Amino acid sequence: MQLLTIGWAEILLIALIVLLLFGAKKIPELMKGLGKGVKSFKDGVNGVEEPEIKADKEPKE
């Protein structure tokens, strides 16, 4: 049994609902905000991991 499988029909339906709710003019603004959020999240994750990686590479005395 497969739960939460999303096919093309469901994705198209979701996209149509988003288009109807927000309108064609707001979607680029929403996607821009989403992209900035994802970039900020990735930068935050990389900022946390880099010092840990550098600390692991240094020889311990």
C-alpha atoms as a PDB file:
ATOM      1  CA  MET A   1       0.000   0.000   0.000  1.00  0.00           C
ATOM      2  CA  GLN A   2       1.403   3.356  -1.045  1.00  0.00           C
ATOM      3  CA  LEU A   3       0.465   6.382   0.971  1.00  0.00           C
ATOM      4  CA  LEU A   4       0.883   9.974  -0.168  1.00  0.00           C
ATOM      5  CA  THR A   5       1.724   9.260  -3.787  1.00  0.00           C
ATOM      6  CA  ILE A   6       1.251  12.373  -5.882  1.00  0.00           C
ATOM      7  CA  GLY A   7       0.821  12.058  -9.620  1.00  0.00           C
ATOM      8  CA  TRP A   8       0.755  14.623 -12.408  1.00  0.00           C
ATOM      9  CA  ALA A   9      -2.996  15.114 -12.107  1.00  0.00           C
ATOM     10  CA  GLU A  10      -2.700  16.066  -8.417  1.00  0.00           C
ATOM     11  CA  ILE A  11       0.211  18.438  -9.068  1.00  0.00           C
ATOM     12  CA  LEU A  12      -1.749  20.104 -11.860  1.00  0.00           C
ATOM     13  CA  LEU A  13      -4.793  20.444  -9.609  1.00  0.00           C
ATOM     14  CA  ILE A  14      -2.711  22.016  -6.820  1.00  0.00           C
ATOM     15  CA  ALA A  15      -1.096  24.441  -9.298  1.00  0.00           C
ATOM     16  CA  LEU A  16      -4.533  25.424 -10.613  1.00  0.00           C
ATOM     17  CA  ILE A  17      -5.837  26.057  -7.090  1.00  0.00           C
ATOM     18  CA  VAL A  18      -2.774  28.208  -6.267  1.00  0.00           C
ATOM     19  CA  LEU A  19      -3.283  30.157  -9.489  1.00  0.00           C
ATOM     20  CA  LEU A  20      -6.927  30.784  -8.641  1.00  0.00           C
ATOM     21  CA  LEU A  21      -6.196  31.792  -5.036  1.00  0.00           C
ATOM     22  CA  PHE A  22      -3.284  34.135  -5.622  1.00  0.00           C
ATOM     23  CA  GLY A  23      -3.640  35.208  -9.240  1.00  0.00           C
ATOM     24  CA  ALA A  24      -1.018  35.241 -11.975  1.00  0.00           C
ATOM     25  CA  LYS A  25       0.581  38.495 -10.781  1.00  0.00           C
ATOM     26  CA  LYS A  26       1.319  37.290  -7.241  1.00  0.00           C
ATOM     27  CA  ILE A  27       2.858  33.914  -8.105  1.00  0.00           C
ATOM     28  CA  PRO A  28       6.280  35.288  -9.219  1.00  0.00           C
ATOM     29  CA  GLU A  29       6.468  37.284  -5.974  1.00  0.00           C
ATOM     30  CA  LEU A  30       5.621  34.175  -3.944  1.00  0.00           C
ATOM     31  CA  MET A  31       8.230  32.095  -5.772  1.00  0.00           C
ATOM     32  CA  LYS A  32      10.859  34.814  -5.258  1.00  0.00           C
ATOM     33  CA  GLY A  33      10.127  34.849  -1.532  1.00  0.00           C
ATOM     34  CA  LEU A  34      10.242  31.054  -1.418  1.00  0.00           C
ATOM     35  CA  GLY A  35      13.590  31.046  -3.236  1.00  0.00           C
ATOM     36  CA  LYS A  36      15.047  33.586  -0.801  1.00  0.00           C
ATOM     37  CA  GLY A  37      13.825  31.492   2.117  1.00  0.00           C
ATOM     38  CA  VAL A  38      15.392  28.313   0.745  1.00  0.00           C
ATOM     39  CA  LYS A  39      18.681  30.133   0.046  1.00  0.00           C
ATOM     40  CA  SER A  40      18.714  31.571   3.555  1.00  0.00           C
ATOM     41  CA  PHE A  41      18.048  28.129   5.012  1.00  0.00           C
ATOM     42  CA  LYS A  42      20.870  26.559   2.970  1.00  0.00           C
ATOM     43  CA  ASP A  43      23.267  29.348   3.989  1.00  0.00           C
ATOM     44  CA  GLY A  44      22.339  28.777   7.621  1.00  0.00           C
ATOM     45  CA  VAL A  45      22.898  25.034   7.342  1.00  0.00           C
ATOM     46  CA  ASN A  46      26.246  25.533   5.588  1.00  0.00           C
ATOM     47  CA  GLY A  47      27.286  28.101   8.198  1.00  0.00           C
ATOM     48  CA  VAL A  48      26.660  25.589  10.970  1.00  0.00           C
ATOM     49  CA  GLU A  49      28.396  22.696   9.225  1.00  0.00           C
ATOM     50  CA  GLU A  50      31.569  24.503   8.066  1.00  0.00           C
ATOM     51  CA  PRO A  51      33.064  25.181  11.531  1.00  0.00           C
ATOM     52  CA  GLU A  52      32.262  21.617  12.602  1.00  0.00           C
ATOM     53  CA  ILE A  53      33.977  20.196   9.515  1.00  0.00           C
ATOM     54  CA  LYS A  54      37.034  22.420   9.985  1.00  0.00           C
ATOM     55  CA  ALA A  55      37.262  21.413  13.648  1.00  0.00           C
ATOM     56  CA  ASP A  56      37.143  17.720  12.692  1.00  0.00           C
ATOM     57  CA  LYS A  57      39.998  18.123  10.171  1.00  0.00           C
ATOM     58  CA  GLU A  58      42.365  19.778  12.653  1.00  0.00           C
ATOM     59  CA  PRO A  59      44.653  17.338  14.466  1.00  0.00           C
ATOM     60  CA  LYS A  60      43.824  16.855  18.089  1.00  0.00           C
ATOM     61  CA  GLU A  61      46.609  16.951  20.642  1.00  0.00           C
END
